[in-house]
Amino acid sequence: ADTGSGAQIAEQVADRFGVRLHRR
């Protein structure tokens, strides 16, 4: 659903879900 970069979305996922993902 998001249109940001991989790094931006990874940061948002960490904030929202508490799960750290790599941008790749």
PDBML (XML) file of the C-alpha atoms, coordinates in Angstrom:
<?xml version="1.0" encoding="UTF-8" ?>
<PDBx:datablock datablockName="MODEL"
   xmlns:PDBx="http://pdbml.pdb.org/schema/pdbx-v50.xsd"
   xmlns:xsi="http://www.w3.org/2001/XMLSchema-instance"
   xsi:schemaLocation="http://pdbml.pdb.org/schema/pdbx-v50.xsd pdbx-v50.xsd">
   <PDBx:atom_siteCategory>
      <PDBx:atom_site id="1">
         <PDBx:B_iso_or_equiv>0.00</PDBx:B_iso_or_equiv>
         <PDBx:Cartn_x>0.000</PDBx:Cartn_x>
         <PDBx:Cartn_y>0.000</PDBx:Cartn_y>
         <PDBx:Cartn_z>0.000</PDBx:Cartn_z>
         <PDBx:auth_asym_id>A</PDBx:auth_asym_id>
         <PDBx:auth_atom_id>CA</PDBx:auth_atom_id>
         <PDBx:auth_comp_id>ALA</PDBx:auth_comp_id>
         <PDBx:auth_seq_id>1</PDBx:auth_seq_id>
         <PDBx:group_PDB>ATOM</PDBx:group_PDB>
         <PDBx:label_alt_id xsi:nil="true" />
         <PDBx:label_asym_id>A</PDBx:label_asym_id>
         <PDBx:label_atom_id>CA</PDBx:label_atom_id>
         <PDBx:label_comp_id>ALA</PDBx:label_comp_id>
         <PDBx:label_entity_id>1</PDBx:label_entity_id>
         <PDBx:label_seq_id>1</PDBx:label_seq_id>
         <PDBx:occupancy>1.00</PDBx:occupancy>
         <PDBx:pdbx_PDB_model_num>1</PDBx:pdbx_PDB_model_num>
         <PDBx:type_symbol>C</PDBx:type_symbol>
      </PDBx:atom_site>
      <PDBx:atom_site id="2">
         <PDBx:B_iso_or_equiv>0.00</PDBx:B_iso_or_equiv>
         <PDBx:Cartn_x>2.928</PDBx:Cartn_x>
         <PDBx:Cartn_y>2.387</PDBx:Cartn_y>
         <PDBx:Cartn_z>0.581</PDBx:Cartn_z>
         <PDBx:auth_asym_id>A</PDBx:auth_asym_id>
         <PDBx:auth_atom_id>CA</PDBx:auth_atom_id>
         <PDBx:auth_comp_id>ASP</PDBx:auth_comp_id>
         <PDBx:auth_seq_id>2</PDBx:auth_seq_id>
         <PDBx:group_PDB>ATOM</PDBx:group_PDB>
         <PDBx:label_alt_id xsi:nil="true" />
         <PDBx:label_asym_id>A</PDBx:label_asym_id>
         <PDBx:label_atom_id>CA</PDBx:label_atom_id>
         <PDBx:label_comp_id>ASP</PDBx:label_comp_id>
         <PDBx:label_entity_id>1</PDBx:label_entity_id>
         <PDBx:label_seq_id>2</PDBx:label_seq_id>
         <PDBx:occupancy>1.00</PDBx:occupancy>
         <PDBx:pdbx_PDB_model_num>1</PDBx:pdbx_PDB_model_num>
         <PDBx:type_symbol>C</PDBx:type_symbol>
      </PDBx:atom_site>
      <PDBx:atom_site id="3">
         <PDBx:B_iso_or_equiv>0.00</PDBx:B_iso_or_equiv>
         <PDBx:Cartn_x>4.836</PDBx:Cartn_x>
         <PDBx:Cartn_y>4.153</PDBx:Cartn_y>
         <PDBx:Cartn_z>-2.181</PDBx:Cartn_z>
         <PDBx:auth_asym_id>A</PDBx:auth_asym_id>
         <PDBx:auth_atom_id>CA</PDBx:auth_atom_id>
         <PDBx:auth_comp_id>THR</PDBx:auth_comp_id>
         <PDBx:auth_seq_id>3</PDBx:auth_seq_id>
         <PDBx:group_PDB>ATOM</PDBx:group_PDB>
         <PDBx:label_alt_id xsi:nil="true" />
         <PDBx:label_asym_id>A</PDBx:label_asym_id>
         <PDBx:label_atom_id>CA</PDBx:label_atom_id>
         <PDBx:label_comp_id>THR</PDBx:label_comp_id>
         <PDBx:label_entity_id>1</PDBx:label_entity_id>
         <PDBx:label_seq_id>3</PDBx:label_seq_id>
         <PDBx:occupancy>1.00</PDBx:occupancy>
         <PDBx:pdbx_PDB_model_num>1</PDBx:pdbx_PDB_model_num>
         <PDBx:type_symbol>C</PDBx:type_symbol>
      </PDBx:atom_site>
      <PDBx:atom_site id="4">
         <PDBx:B_iso_or_equiv>0.00</PDBx:B_iso_or_equiv>
         <PDBx:Cartn_x>8.034</PDBx:Cartn_x>
         <PDBx:Cartn_y>5.207</PDBx:Cartn_y>
         <PDBx:Cartn_z>-0.380</PDBx:Cartn_z>
         <PDBx:auth_asym_id>A</PDBx:auth_asym_id>
         <PDBx:auth_atom_id>CA</PDBx:auth_atom_id>
         <PDBx:auth_comp_id>GLY</PDBx:auth_comp_id>
         <PDBx:auth_seq_id>4</PDBx:auth_seq_id>
         <PDBx:group_PDB>ATOM</PDBx:group_PDB>
         <PDBx:label_alt_id xsi:nil="true" />
         <PDBx:label_asym_id>A</PDBx:label_asym_id>
         <PDBx:label_atom_id>CA</PDBx:label_atom_id>
         <PDBx:label_comp_id>GLY</PDBx:label_comp_id>
         <PDBx:label_entity_id>1</PDBx:label_entity_id>
         <PDBx:label_seq_id>4</PDBx:label_seq_id>
         <PDBx:occupancy>1.00</PDBx:occupancy>
         <PDBx:pdbx_PDB_model_num>1</PDBx:pdbx_PDB_model_num>
         <PDBx:type_symbol>C</PDBx:type_symbol>
      </PDBx:atom_site>
      <PDBx:atom_site id="5">
         <PDBx:B_iso_or_equiv>0.00</PDBx:B_iso_or_equiv>
         <PDBx:Cartn_x>11.517</PDBx:Cartn_x>
         <PDBx:Cartn_y>3.773</PDBx:Cartn_y>
         <PDBx:Cartn_z>-0.802</PDBx:Cartn_z>
         <PDBx:auth_asym_id>A</PDBx:auth_asym_id>
         <PDBx:auth_atom_id>CA</PDBx:auth_atom_id>
         <PDBx:auth_comp_id>SER</PDBx:auth_comp_id>
         <PDBx:auth_seq_id>5</PDBx:auth_seq_id>
         <PDBx:group_PDB>ATOM</PDBx:group_PDB>
         <PDBx:label_alt_id xsi:nil="true" />
         <PDBx:label_asym_id>A</PDBx:label_asym_id>
         <PDBx:label_atom_id>CA</PDBx:label_atom_id>
         <PDBx:label_comp_id>SER</PDBx:label_comp_id>
         <PDBx:label_entity_id>1</PDBx:label_entity_id>
         <PDBx:label_seq_id>5</PDBx:label_seq_id>
         <PDBx:occupancy>1.00</PDBx:occupancy>
         <PDBx:pdbx_PDB_model_num>1</PDBx:pdbx_PDB_model_num>
         <PDBx:type_symbol>C</PDBx:type_symbol>
      </PDBx:atom_site>
      <PDBx:atom_site id="6">
         <PDBx:B_iso_or_equiv>0.00</PDBx:B_iso_or_equiv>
         <PDBx:Cartn_x>12.470</PDBx:Cartn_x>
         <PDBx:Cartn_y>0.397</PDBx:Cartn_y>
         <PDBx:Cartn_z>0.633</PDBx:Cartn_z>
         <PDBx:auth_asym_id>A</PDBx:auth_asym_id>
         <PDBx:auth_atom_id>CA</PDBx:auth_atom_id>
         <PDBx:auth_comp_id>GLY</PDBx:auth_comp_id>
         <PDBx:auth_seq_id>6</PDBx:auth_seq_id>
         <PDBx:group_PDB>ATOM</PDBx:group_PDB>
         <PDBx:label_alt_id xsi:nil="true" />
         <PDBx:label_asym_id>A</PDBx:label_asym_id>
         <PDBx:label_atom_id>CA</PDBx:label_atom_id>
         <PDBx:label_comp_id>GLY</PDBx:label_comp_id>
         <PDBx:label_entity_id>1</PDBx:label_entity_id>
         <PDBx:label_seq_id>6</PDBx:label_seq_id>
         <PDBx:occupancy>1.00</PDBx:occupancy>
         <PDBx:pdbx_PDB_model_num>1</PDBx:pdbx_PDB_model_num>
         <PDBx:type_symbol>C</PDBx:type_symbol>
      </PDBx:atom_site>
      <PDBx:atom_site id="7">
         <PDBx:B_iso_or_equiv>0.00</PDBx:B_iso_or_equiv>
         <PDBx:Cartn_x>14.390</PDBx:Cartn_x>
         <PDBx:Cartn_y>2.034</PDBx:Cartn_y>
         <PDBx:Cartn_z>3.479</PDBx:Cartn_z>
         <PDBx:auth_asym_id>A</PDBx:auth_asym_id>
         <PDBx:auth_atom_id>CA</PDBx:auth_atom_id>
         <PDBx:auth_comp_id>ALA</PDBx:auth_comp_id>
         <PDBx:auth_seq_id>7</PDBx:auth_seq_id>
         <PDBx:group_PDB>ATOM</PDBx:group_PDB>
         <PDBx:label_alt_id xsi:nil="true" />
         <PDBx:label_asym_id>A</PDBx:label_asym_id>
         <PDBx:label_atom_id>CA</PDBx:label_atom_id>
         <PDBx:label_comp_id>ALA</PDBx:label_comp_id>
         <PDBx:label_entity_id>1</PDBx:label_entity_id>
         <PDBx:label_seq_id>7</PDBx:label_seq_id>
         <PDBx:occupancy>1.00</PDBx:occupancy>
         <PDBx:pdbx_PDB_model_num>1</PDBx:pdbx_PDB_model_num>
         <PDBx:type_symbol>C</PDBx:type_symbol>
      </PDBx:atom_site>
      <PDBx:atom_site id="8">
         <PDBx:B_iso_or_equiv>0.00</PDBx:B_iso_or_equiv>
         <PDBx:Cartn_x>11.519</PDBx:Cartn_x>
         <PDBx:Cartn_y>4.389</PDBx:Cartn_y>
         <PDBx:Cartn_z>4.320</PDBx:Cartn_z>
         <PDBx:auth_asym_id>A</PDBx:auth_asym_id>
         <PDBx:auth_atom_id>CA</PDBx:auth_atom_id>
         <PDBx:auth_comp_id>GLN</PDBx:auth_comp_id>
         <PDBx:auth_seq_id>8</PDBx:auth_seq_id>
         <PDBx:group_PDB>ATOM</PDBx:group_PDB>
         <PDBx:label_alt_id xsi:nil="true" />
         <PDBx:label_asym_id>A</PDBx:label_asym_id>
         <PDBx:label_atom_id>CA</PDBx:label_atom_id>
         <PDBx:label_comp_id>GLN</PDBx:label_comp_id>
         <PDBx:label_entity_id>1</PDBx:label_entity_id>
         <PDBx:label_seq_id>8</PDBx:label_seq_id>
         <PDBx:occupancy>1.00</PDBx:occupancy>
         <PDBx:pdbx_PDB_model_num>1</PDBx:pdbx_PDB_model_num>
         <PDBx:type_symbol>C</PDBx:type_symbol>
      </PDBx:atom_site>
      <PDBx:atom_site id="9">
         <PDBx:B_iso_or_equiv>0.00</PDBx:B_iso_or_equiv>
         <PDBx:Cartn_x>8.965</PDBx:Cartn_x>
         <PDBx:Cartn_y>1.585</PDBx:Cartn_y>
         <PDBx:Cartn_z>4.340</PDBx:Cartn_z>
         <PDBx:auth_asym_id>A</PDBx:auth_asym_id>
         <PDBx:auth_atom_id>CA</PDBx:auth_atom_id>
         <PDBx:auth_comp_id>ILE</PDBx:auth_comp_id>
         <PDBx:auth_seq_id>9</PDBx:auth_seq_id>
         <PDBx:group_PDB>ATOM</PDBx:group_PDB>
         <PDBx:label_alt_id xsi:nil="true" />
         <PDBx:label_asym_id>A</PDBx:label_asym_id>
         <PDBx:label_atom_id>CA</PDBx:label_atom_id>
         <PDBx:label_comp_id>ILE</PDBx:label_comp_id>
         <PDBx:label_entity_id>1</PDBx:label_entity_id>
         <PDBx:label_seq_id>9</PDBx:label_seq_id>
         <PDBx:occupancy>1.00</PDBx:occupancy>
         <PDBx:pdbx_PDB_model_num>1</PDBx:pdbx_PDB_model_num>
         <PDBx:type_symbol>C</PDBx:type_symbol>
      </PDBx:atom_site>
      <PDBx:atom_site id="10">
         <PDBx:B_iso_or_equiv>0.00</PDBx:B_iso_or_equiv>
         <PDBx:Cartn_x>11.254</PDBx:Cartn_x>
         <PDBx:Cartn_y>-0.625</PDBx:Cartn_y>
         <PDBx:Cartn_z>6.456</PDBx:Cartn_z>
         <PDBx:auth_asym_id>A</PDBx:auth_asym_id>
         <PDBx:auth_atom_id>CA</PDBx:auth_atom_id>
         <PDBx:auth_comp_id>ALA</PDBx:auth_comp_id>
         <PDBx:auth_seq_id>10</PDBx:auth_seq_id>
         <PDBx:group_PDB>ATOM</PDBx:group_PDB>
         <PDBx:label_alt_id xsi:nil="true" />
         <PDBx:label_asym_id>A</PDBx:label_asym_id>
         <PDBx:label_atom_id>CA</PDBx:label_atom_id>
         <PDBx:label_comp_id>ALA</PDBx:label_comp_id>
         <PDBx:label_entity_id>1</PDBx:label_entity_id>
         <PDBx:label_seq_id>10</PDBx:label_seq_id>
         <PDBx:occupancy>1.00</PDBx:occupancy>
         <PDBx:pdbx_PDB_model_num>1</PDBx:pdbx_PDB_model_num>
         <PDBx:type_symbol>C</PDBx:type_symbol>
      </PDBx:atom_site>
      <PDBx:atom_site id="11">
         <PDBx:B_iso_or_equiv>0.00</PDBx:B_iso_or_equiv>
         <PDBx:Cartn_x>11.451</PDBx:Cartn_x>
         <PDBx:Cartn_y>2.187</PDBx:Cartn_y>
         <PDBx:Cartn_z>9.003</PDBx:Cartn_z>
         <PDBx:auth_asym_id>A</PDBx:auth_asym_id>
         <PDBx:auth_atom_id>CA</PDBx:auth_atom_id>
         <PDBx:auth_comp_id>GLU</PDBx:auth_comp_id>
         <PDBx:auth_seq_id>11</PDBx:auth_seq_id>
         <PDBx:group_PDB>ATOM</PDBx:group_PDB>
         <PDBx:label_alt_id xsi:nil="true" />
         <PDBx:label_asym_id>A</PDBx:label_asym_id>
         <PDBx:label_atom_id>CA</PDBx:label_atom_id>
         <PDBx:label_comp_id>GLU</PDBx:label_comp_id>
         <PDBx:label_entity_id>1</PDBx:label_entity_id>
         <PDBx:label_seq_id>11</PDBx:label_seq_id>
         <PDBx:occupancy>1.00</PDBx:occupancy>
         <PDBx:pdbx_PDB_model_num>1</PDBx:pdbx_PDB_model_num>
         <PDBx:type_symbol>C</PDBx:type_symbol>
      </PDBx:atom_site>
      <PDBx:atom_site id="12">
         <PDBx:B_iso_or_equiv>0.00</PDBx:B_iso_or_equiv>
         <PDBx:Cartn_x>7.654</PDBx:Cartn_x>
         <PDBx:Cartn_y>2.628</PDBx:Cartn_y>
         <PDBx:Cartn_z>8.961</PDBx:Cartn_z>
         <PDBx:auth_asym_id>A</PDBx:auth_asym_id>
         <PDBx:auth_atom_id>CA</PDBx:auth_atom_id>
         <PDBx:auth_comp_id>GLN</PDBx:auth_comp_id>
         <PDBx:auth_seq_id>12</PDBx:auth_seq_id>
         <PDBx:group_PDB>ATOM</PDBx:group_PDB>
         <PDBx:label_alt_id xsi:nil="true" />
         <PDBx:label_asym_id>A</PDBx:label_asym_id>
         <PDBx:label_atom_id>CA</PDBx:label_atom_id>
         <PDBx:label_comp_id>GLN</PDBx:label_comp_id>
         <PDBx:label_entity_id>1</PDBx:label_entity_id>
         <PDBx:label_seq_id>12</PDBx:label_seq_id>
         <PDBx:occupancy>1.00</PDBx:occupancy>
         <PDBx:pdbx_PDB_model_num>1</PDBx:pdbx_PDB_model_num>
         <PDBx:type_symbol>C</PDBx:type_symbol>
      </PDBx:atom_site>
      <PDBx:atom_site id="13">
         <PDBx:B_iso_or_equiv>0.00</PDBx:B_iso_or_equiv>
         <PDBx:Cartn_x>7.159</PDBx:Cartn_x>
         <PDBx:Cartn_y>-1.128</PDBx:Cartn_y>
         <PDBx:Cartn_z>9.450</PDBx:Cartn_z>
         <PDBx:auth_asym_id>A</PDBx:auth_asym_id>
         <PDBx:auth_atom_id>CA</PDBx:auth_atom_id>
         <PDBx:auth_comp_id>VAL</PDBx:auth_comp_id>
         <PDBx:auth_seq_id>13</PDBx:auth_seq_id>
         <PDBx:group_PDB>ATOM</PDBx:group_PDB>
         <PDBx:label_alt_id xsi:nil="true" />
         <PDBx:label_asym_id>A</PDBx:label_asym_id>
         <PDBx:label_atom_id>CA</PDBx:label_atom_id>
         <PDBx:label_comp_id>VAL</PDBx:label_comp_id>
         <PDBx:label_entity_id>1</PDBx:label_entity_id>
         <PDBx:label_seq_id>13</PDBx:label_seq_id>
         <PDBx:occupancy>1.00</PDBx:occupancy>
         <PDBx:pdbx_PDB_model_num>1</PDBx:pdbx_PDB_model_num>
         <PDBx:type_symbol>C</PDBx:type_symbol>
      </PDBx:atom_site>
      <PDBx:atom_site id="14">
         <PDBx:B_iso_or_equiv>0.00</PDBx:B_iso_or_equiv>
         <PDBx:Cartn_x>9.506</PDBx:Cartn_x>
         <PDBx:Cartn_y>-1.024</PDBx:Cartn_y>
         <PDBx:Cartn_z>12.450</PDBx:Cartn_z>
         <PDBx:auth_asym_id>A</PDBx:auth_asym_id>
         <PDBx:auth_atom_id>CA</PDBx:auth_atom_id>
         <PDBx:auth_comp_id>ALA</PDBx:auth_comp_id>
         <PDBx:auth_seq_id>14</PDBx:auth_seq_id>
         <PDBx:group_PDB>ATOM</PDBx:group_PDB>
         <PDBx:label_alt_id xsi:nil="true" />
         <PDBx:label_asym_id>A</PDBx:label_asym_id>
         <PDBx:label_atom_id>CA</PDBx:label_atom_id>
         <PDBx:label_comp_id>ALA</PDBx:label_comp_id>
         <PDBx:label_entity_id>1</PDBx:label_entity_id>
         <PDBx:label_seq_id>14</PDBx:label_seq_id>
         <PDBx:occupancy>1.00</PDBx:occupancy>
         <PDBx:pdbx_PDB_model_num>1</PDBx:pdbx_PDB_model_num>
         <PDBx:type_symbol>C</PDBx:type_symbol>
      </PDBx:atom_site>
      <PDBx:atom_site id="15">
         <PDBx:B_iso_or_equiv>0.00</PDBx:B_iso_or_equiv>
         <PDBx:Cartn_x>7.578</PDBx:Cartn_x>
         <PDBx:Cartn_y>1.903</PDBx:Cartn_y>
         <PDBx:Cartn_z>13.960</PDBx:Cartn_z>
         <PDBx:auth_asym_id>A</PDBx:auth_asym_id>
         <PDBx:auth_atom_id>CA</PDBx:auth_atom_id>
         <PDBx:auth_comp_id>ASP</PDBx:auth_comp_id>
         <PDBx:auth_seq_id>15</PDBx:auth_seq_id>
         <PDBx:group_PDB>ATOM</PDBx:group_PDB>
         <PDBx:label_alt_id xsi:nil="true" />
         <PDBx:label_asym_id>A</PDBx:label_asym_id>
         <PDBx:label_atom_id>CA</PDBx:label_atom_id>
         <PDBx:label_comp_id>ASP</PDBx:label_comp_id>
         <PDBx:label_entity_id>1</PDBx:label_entity_id>
         <PDBx:label_seq_id>15</PDBx:label_seq_id>
         <PDBx:occupancy>1.00</PDBx:occupancy>
         <PDBx:pdbx_PDB_model_num>1</PDBx:pdbx_PDB_model_num>
         <PDBx:type_symbol>C</PDBx:type_symbol>
      </PDBx:atom_site>
      <PDBx:atom_site id="16">
         <PDBx:B_iso_or_equiv>0.00</PDBx:B_iso_or_equiv>
         <PDBx:Cartn_x>4.124</PDBx:Cartn_x>
         <PDBx:Cartn_y>0.518</PDBx:Cartn_y>
         <PDBx:Cartn_z>13.281</PDBx:Cartn_z>
         <PDBx:auth_asym_id>A</PDBx:auth_asym_id>
         <PDBx:auth_atom_id>CA</PDBx:auth_atom_id>
         <PDBx:auth_comp_id>ARG</PDBx:auth_comp_id>
         <PDBx:auth_seq_id>16</PDBx:auth_seq_id>
         <PDBx:group_PDB>ATOM</PDBx:group_PDB>
         <PDBx:label_alt_id xsi:nil="true" />
         <PDBx:label_asym_id>A</PDBx:label_asym_id>
         <PDBx:label_atom_id>CA</PDBx:label_atom_id>
         <PDBx:label_comp_id>ARG</PDBx:label_comp_id>
         <PDBx:label_entity_id>1</PDBx:label_entity_id>
         <PDBx:label_seq_id>16</PDBx:label_seq_id>
         <PDBx:occupancy>1.00</PDBx:occupancy>
         <PDBx:pdbx_PDB_model_num>1</PDBx:pdbx_PDB_model_num>
         <PDBx:type_symbol>C</PDBx:type_symbol>
      </PDBx:atom_site>
      <PDBx:atom_site id="17">
         <PDBx:B_iso_or_equiv>0.00</PDBx:B_iso_or_equiv>
         <PDBx:Cartn_x>4.576</PDBx:Cartn_x>
         <PDBx:Cartn_y>-3.260</PDBx:Cartn_y>
         <PDBx:Cartn_z>13.752</PDBx:Cartn_z>
         <PDBx:auth_asym_id>A</PDBx:auth_asym_id>
         <PDBx:auth_atom_id>CA</PDBx:auth_atom_id>
         <PDBx:auth_comp_id>PHE</PDBx:auth_comp_id>
         <PDBx:auth_seq_id>17</PDBx:auth_seq_id>
         <PDBx:group_PDB>ATOM</PDBx:group_PDB>
         <PDBx:label_alt_id xsi:nil="true" />
         <PDBx:label_asym_id>A</PDBx:label_asym_id>
         <PDBx:label_atom_id>CA</PDBx:label_atom_id>
         <PDBx:label_comp_id>PHE</PDBx:label_comp_id>
         <PDBx:label_entity_id>1</PDBx:label_entity_id>
         <PDBx:label_seq_id>17</PDBx:label_seq_id>
         <PDBx:occupancy>1.00</PDBx:occupancy>
         <PDBx:pdbx_PDB_model_num>1</PDBx:pdbx_PDB_model_num>
         <PDBx:type_symbol>C</PDBx:type_symbol>
      </PDBx:atom_site>
      <PDBx:atom_site id="18">
         <PDBx:B_iso_or_equiv>0.00</PDBx:B_iso_or_equiv>
         <PDBx:Cartn_x>7.761</PDBx:Cartn_x>
         <PDBx:Cartn_y>-3.491</PDBx:Cartn_y>
         <PDBx:Cartn_z>15.820</PDBx:Cartn_z>
         <PDBx:auth_asym_id>A</PDBx:auth_asym_id>
         <PDBx:auth_atom_id>CA</PDBx:auth_atom_id>
         <PDBx:auth_comp_id>GLY</PDBx:auth_comp_id>
         <PDBx:auth_seq_id>18</PDBx:auth_seq_id>
         <PDBx:group_PDB>ATOM</PDBx:group_PDB>
         <PDBx:label_alt_id xsi:nil="true" />
         <PDBx:label_asym_id>A</PDBx:label_asym_id>
         <PDBx:label_atom_id>CA</PDBx:label_atom_id>
         <PDBx:label_comp_id>GLY</PDBx:label_comp_id>
         <PDBx:label_entity_id>1</PDBx:label_entity_id>
         <PDBx:label_seq_id>18</PDBx:label_seq_id>
         <PDBx:occupancy>1.00</PDBx:occupancy>
         <PDBx:pdbx_PDB_model_num>1</PDBx:pdbx_PDB_model_num>
         <PDBx:type_symbol>C</PDBx:type_symbol>
      </PDBx:atom_site>
      <PDBx:atom_site id="19">
         <PDBx:B_iso_or_equiv>0.00</PDBx:B_iso_or_equiv>
         <PDBx:Cartn_x>9.382</PDBx:Cartn_x>
         <PDBx:Cartn_y>-5.682</PDBx:Cartn_y>
         <PDBx:Cartn_z>13.144</PDBx:Cartn_z>
         <PDBx:auth_asym_id>A</PDBx:auth_asym_id>
         <PDBx:auth_atom_id>CA</PDBx:auth_atom_id>
         <PDBx:auth_comp_id>VAL</PDBx:auth_comp_id>
         <PDBx:auth_seq_id>19</PDBx:auth_seq_id>
         <PDBx:group_PDB>ATOM</PDBx:group_PDB>
         <PDBx:label_alt_id xsi:nil="true" />
         <PDBx:label_asym_id>A</PDBx:label_asym_id>
         <PDBx:label_atom_id>CA</PDBx:label_atom_id>
         <PDBx:label_comp_id>VAL</PDBx:label_comp_id>
         <PDBx:label_entity_id>1</PDBx:label_entity_id>
         <PDBx:label_seq_id>19</PDBx:label_seq_id>
         <PDBx:occupancy>1.00</PDBx:occupancy>
         <PDBx:pdbx_PDB_model_num>1</PDBx:pdbx_PDB_model_num>
         <PDBx:type_symbol>C</PDBx:type_symbol>
      </PDBx:atom_site>
      <PDBx:atom_site id="20">
         <PDBx:B_iso_or_equiv>0.00</PDBx:B_iso_or_equiv>
         <PDBx:Cartn_x>12.752</PDBx:Cartn_x>
         <PDBx:Cartn_y>-4.744</PDBx:Cartn_y>
         <PDBx:Cartn_z>11.694</PDBx:Cartn_z>
         <PDBx:auth_asym_id>A</PDBx:auth_asym_id>
         <PDBx:auth_atom_id>CA</PDBx:auth_atom_id>
         <PDBx:auth_comp_id>ARG</PDBx:auth_comp_id>
         <PDBx:auth_seq_id>20</PDBx:auth_seq_id>
         <PDBx:group_PDB>ATOM</PDBx:group_PDB>
         <PDBx:label_alt_id xsi:nil="true" />
         <PDBx:label_asym_id>A</PDBx:label_asym_id>
         <PDBx:label_atom_id>CA</PDBx:label_atom_id>
         <PDBx:label_comp_id>ARG</PDBx:label_comp_id>
         <PDBx:label_entity_id>1</PDBx:label_entity_id>
         <PDBx:label_seq_id>20</PDBx:label_seq_id>
         <PDBx:occupancy>1.00</PDBx:occupancy>
         <PDBx:pdbx_PDB_model_num>1</PDBx:pdbx_PDB_model_num>
         <PDBx:type_symbol>C</PDBx:type_symbol>
      </PDBx:atom_site>
      <PDBx:atom_site id="21">
         <PDBx:B_iso_or_equiv>0.00</PDBx:B_iso_or_equiv>
         <PDBx:Cartn_x>13.096</PDBx:Cartn_x>
         <PDBx:Cartn_y>-5.517</PDBx:Cartn_y>
         <PDBx:Cartn_z>7.977</PDBx:Cartn_z>
         <PDBx:auth_asym_id>A</PDBx:auth_asym_id>
         <PDBx:auth_atom_id>CA</PDBx:auth_atom_id>
         <PDBx:auth_comp_id>LEU</PDBx:auth_comp_id>
         <PDBx:auth_seq_id>21</PDBx:auth_seq_id>
         <PDBx:group_PDB>ATOM</PDBx:group_PDB>
         <PDBx:label_alt_id xsi:nil="true" />
         <PDBx:label_asym_id>A</PDBx:label_asym_id>
         <PDBx:label_atom_id>CA</PDBx:label_atom_id>
         <PDBx:label_comp_id>LEU</PDBx:label_comp_id>
         <PDBx:label_entity_id>1</PDBx:label_entity_id>
         <PDBx:label_seq_id>21</PDBx:label_seq_id>
         <PDBx:occupancy>1.00</PDBx:occupancy>
         <PDBx:pdbx_PDB_model_num>1</PDBx:pdbx_PDB_model_num>
         <PDBx:type_symbol>C</PDBx:type_symbol>
      </PDBx:atom_site>
      <PDBx:atom_site id="22">
         <PDBx:B_iso_or_equiv>0.00</PDBx:B_iso_or_equiv>
         <PDBx:Cartn_x>15.976</PDBx:Cartn_x>
         <PDBx:Cartn_y>-4.848</PDBx:Cartn_y>
         <PDBx:Cartn_z>5.634</PDBx:Cartn_z>
         <PDBx:auth_asym_id>A</PDBx:auth_asym_id>
         <PDBx:auth_atom_id>CA</PDBx:auth_atom_id>
         <PDBx:auth_comp_id>HIS</PDBx:auth_comp_id>
         <PDBx:auth_seq_id>22</PDBx:auth_seq_id>
         <PDBx:group_PDB>ATOM</PDBx:group_PDB>
         <PDBx:label_alt_id xsi:nil="true" />
         <PDBx:label_asym_id>A</PDBx:label_asym_id>
         <PDBx:label_atom_id>CA</PDBx:label_atom_id>
         <PDBx:label_comp_id>HIS</PDBx:label_comp_id>
         <PDBx:label_entity_id>1</PDBx:label_entity_id>
         <PDBx:label_seq_id>22</PDBx:label_seq_id>
         <PDBx:occupancy>1.00</PDBx:occupancy>
         <PDBx:pdbx_PDB_model_num>1</PDBx:pdbx_PDB_model_num>
         <PDBx:type_symbol>C</PDBx:type_symbol>
      </PDBx:atom_site>
      <PDBx:atom_site id="23">
         <PDBx:B_iso_or_equiv>0.00</PDBx:B_iso_or_equiv>
         <PDBx:Cartn_x>15.183</PDBx:Cartn_x>
         <PDBx:Cartn_y>-2.477</PDBx:Cartn_y>
         <PDBx:Cartn_z>2.769</PDBx:Cartn_z>
         <PDBx:auth_asym_id>A</PDBx:auth_asym_id>
         <PDBx:auth_atom_id>CA</PDBx:auth_atom_id>
         <PDBx:auth_comp_id>ARG</PDBx:auth_comp_id>
         <PDBx:auth_seq_id>23</PDBx:auth_seq_id>
         <PDBx:group_PDB>ATOM</PDBx:group_PDB>
         <PDBx:label_alt_id xsi:nil="true" />
         <PDBx:label_asym_id>A</PDBx:label_asym_id>
         <PDBx:label_atom_id>CA</PDBx:label_atom_id>
         <PDBx:label_comp_id>ARG</PDBx:label_comp_id>
         <PDBx:label_entity_id>1</PDBx:label_entity_id>
         <PDBx:label_seq_id>23</PDBx:label_seq_id>
         <PDBx:occupancy>1.00</PDBx:occupancy>
         <PDBx:pdbx_PDB_model_num>1</PDBx:pdbx_PDB_model_num>
         <PDBx:type_symbol>C</PDBx:type_symbol>
      </PDBx:atom_site>
      <PDBx:atom_site id="24">
         <PDBx:B_iso_or_equiv>0.00</PDBx:B_iso_or_equiv>
         <PDBx:Cartn_x>15.952</PDBx:Cartn_x>
         <PDBx:Cartn_y>-5.273</PDBx:Cartn_y>
         <PDBx:Cartn_z>0.278</PDBx:Cartn_z>
         <PDBx:auth_asym_id>A</PDBx:auth_asym_id>
         <PDBx:auth_atom_id>CA</PDBx:auth_atom_id>
         <PDBx:auth_comp_id>ARG</PDBx:auth_comp_id>
         <PDBx:auth_seq_id>24</PDBx:auth_seq_id>
         <PDBx:group_PDB>ATOM</PDBx:group_PDB>
         <PDBx:label_alt_id xsi:nil="true" />
         <PDBx:label_asym_id>A</PDBx:label_asym_id>
         <PDBx:label_atom_id>CA</PDBx:label_atom_id>
         <PDBx:label_comp_id>ARG</PDBx:label_comp_id>
         <PDBx:label_entity_id>1</PDBx:label_entity_id>
         <PDBx:label_seq_id>24</PDBx:label_seq_id>
         <PDBx:occupancy>1.00</PDBx:occupancy>
         <PDBx:pdbx_PDB_model_num>1</PDBx:pdbx_PDB_model_num>
         <PDBx:type_symbol>C</PDBx:type_symbol>
      </PDBx:atom_site>
   </PDBx:atom_siteCategory>
</PDBx:datablock>
